[in-house]
Amino acid sequence: MIYDLRLLTLNAMIKMKVGDWLILFLSLLLVPLSWSMTQSDSGAVAAIEVTVGNQPPVVYSIKGRQQITVTGELGNSVIEIRDGKVRIISSPGKRQLCVLSGWHQQSGDNIVCLPNKVGVSLISNREQFDGINF
């Protein structure tokens, strides 16, 4: 037998009960709401946290202009802070991925130079949702 899919879909929609429509409506409302909650602004960046190897992290202000030189396992990495943004200018790693990542300005962002064991984290005063927690 050949069925017309439009009629099947229409018949299925007509047979939906009030509870079915309520669940459909709430689902359509809940999905964008939950997405907007996870994508909300994570707050202004208050500082950066620089970690080198197994040493305790050092916190620097994000305000003003400054260059910070840290000595990692392979040599010096230079971190630049300007206008509330952070980047790594130079690092002794071969592939230069941390340098090529450019400017970062969102709280929760991380810049990592793995060969040199240098990490920079942008932190805010406000806690934010982290979808990677287990």
Protein backbone atom coordinates (compact mmCIF):
# COMPACT_ATOMS: atom_id res chain seq x y z
CA MET A 1 0.00 0.00 0.00
CA ILE A 2 1.07 3.54 -0.67
CA TYR A 3 0.58 6.01 2.17
CA ASP A 4 0.59 9.77 1.95
CA LEU A 5 3.00 10.97 4.66
CA ARG A 6 1.22 14.31 4.97
CA LEU A 7 -2.00 12.57 5.97
CA LEU A 8 -0.19 10.33 8.45
CA THR A 9 1.48 13.32 10.08
CA LEU A 10 -1.78 15.26 10.17
CA ASN A 11 -3.65 12.30 11.68
CA ALA A 12 -0.92 11.88 14.33
CA MET A 13 -1.13 15.56 15.25
CA ILE A 14 -4.90 15.41 15.59
CA LYS A 15 -4.67 12.41 17.92
CA MET A 16 -2.30 14.22 20.30
CA LYS A 17 -3.86 14.85 23.68
CA VAL A 18 -3.55 17.94 25.88
CA GLY A 19 -0.71 16.37 27.90
CA ASP A 20 1.21 15.62 24.71
CA TRP A 21 0.93 19.25 23.60
CA LEU A 22 2.00 20.43 27.06
CA ILE A 23 5.12 18.26 27.01
CA LEU A 24 5.96 19.43 23.50
CA PHE A 25 5.50 23.09 24.48
CA LEU A 26 7.58 22.77 27.65
CA SER A 27 10.36 20.97 25.76
CA LEU A 28 10.49 23.67 23.13
CA LEU A 29 10.63 26.29 25.88
CA LEU A 30 13.20 24.49 28.04
CA VAL A 31 15.85 23.82 25.38
CA PRO A 32 16.56 27.46 24.44
CA LEU A 33 16.31 28.51 28.08
CA SER A 34 18.92 25.98 29.21
CA TRP A 35 21.19 26.87 26.29
CA SER A 36 21.03 30.59 27.14
CA MET A 37 21.90 29.86 30.76
CA THR A 38 25.09 28.02 29.79
CA GLN A 39 26.09 30.66 27.25
CA SER A 40 25.60 33.65 29.54
CA ASP A 41 28.37 36.14 30.14
CA SER A 42 30.82 34.64 32.58
CA GLY A 43 31.71 37.99 34.09
CA ALA A 44 34.45 40.47 33.48
CA VAL A 45 38.01 39.24 33.73
CA ALA A 46 39.50 40.37 37.04
CA ALA A 47 42.98 38.88 36.80
CA ILE A 48 45.17 36.26 35.20
CA GLU A 49 46.70 33.29 36.92
CA VAL A 50 50.10 32.17 35.62
CA THR A 51 51.28 28.65 36.40
CA VAL A 52 54.78 27.40 35.63
CA GLY A 53 55.45 23.68 36.05
CA ASN A 54 54.57 22.45 39.54
CA GLN A 55 55.01 25.86 41.17
CA PRO A 56 52.02 27.55 42.82
CA PRO A 57 50.13 29.94 40.51
CA VAL A 58 50.87 33.67 40.56
CA VAL A 59 48.01 36.14 40.05
CA TYR A 60 48.48 39.34 38.04
CA SER A 61 46.07 42.22 37.48
CA ILE A 62 44.50 42.52 34.05
CA LYS A 63 44.47 46.32 34.23
CA GLY A 64 47.05 48.46 32.50
CA ARG A 65 49.83 47.43 30.16
CA GLN A 66 52.55 45.06 31.19
CA GLN A 67 54.80 42.31 29.97
CA ILE A 68 55.57 39.39 32.22
CA THR A 69 58.50 37.08 31.57
CA VAL A 70 58.29 33.62 33.14
CA THR A 71 60.93 30.93 32.98
CA GLY A 72 59.59 27.53 32.08
CA GLU A 73 61.27 24.19 31.49
CA LEU A 74 62.67 25.14 28.04
CA GLY A 75 63.27 28.86 28.58
CA ASN A 76 61.44 32.18 28.82
CA SER A 77 57.84 32.82 27.80
CA VAL A 78 56.66 36.43 27.53
CA ILE A 79 53.04 37.26 28.43
CA GLU A 80 51.53 40.58 27.37
CA ILE A 81 48.59 42.25 29.10
CA ARG A 82 46.91 45.18 27.33
CA ASP A 83 43.41 46.70 27.47
CA GLY A 84 41.94 43.79 29.44
CA LYS A 85 43.30 41.20 27.00
CA VAL A 86 46.12 38.69 27.35
CA ARG A 87 48.39 36.89 24.92
CA ILE A 88 51.71 35.11 24.87
CA ILE A 89 54.20 36.98 22.69
CA SER A 90 57.02 34.46 22.63
CA SER A 91 57.75 30.98 23.86
CA PRO A 92 60.56 28.52 23.18
CA GLY A 93 58.21 25.76 21.98
CA LYS A 94 58.71 24.50 18.40
CA ARG A 95 55.12 24.76 17.13
CA GLN A 96 54.30 28.12 18.80
CA LEU A 97 50.63 27.18 19.30
CA CYS A 98 50.28 29.33 22.42
CA VAL A 99 51.68 32.34 20.53
CA LEU A 100 49.44 31.69 17.52
CA SER A 101 46.32 31.49 19.71
CA GLY A 102 46.35 35.30 19.88
CA TRP A 103 44.49 37.57 22.28
CA HIS A 104 42.20 36.14 24.97
CA GLN A 105 39.66 38.20 26.91
CA GLN A 106 36.92 35.85 28.17
CA SER A 107 37.02 34.60 31.74
CA GLY A 108 37.65 30.89 31.77
CA ASP A 109 39.96 31.05 28.75
CA ASN A 110 43.30 29.30 29.06
CA ILE A 111 46.56 29.66 27.16
CA VAL A 112 48.91 26.73 27.56
CA CYS A 113 52.48 26.25 26.31
CA LEU A 114 52.89 22.54 26.93
CA PRO A 115 56.56 22.09 26.02
CA ASN A 116 57.54 24.94 28.34
CA LYS A 117 54.97 23.97 31.00
CA VAL A 118 53.51 27.49 31.21
CA GLY A 119 49.78 28.10 31.64
CA VAL A 120 47.74 31.31 31.76
CA SER A 121 44.13 31.30 33.02
CA LEU A 122 41.79 34.28 32.85
CA ILE A 123 39.72 34.43 36.02
CA SER A 124 36.75 36.49 37.15
CA ASN A 125 35.24 37.28 40.51
CA ARG A 126 32.09 35.37 39.56
CA GLU A 127 31.83 31.61 39.42
CA GLN A 128 30.80 30.20 36.08
CA PHE A 129 29.30 26.99 34.78
CA ASP A 130 31.91 24.47 33.65
CA GLY A 131 30.56 21.76 31.39
CA ILE A 132 33.71 19.69 31.75
CA ASN A 133 33.23 18.81 35.44
CA PHE A 134 32.72 15.14 36.21
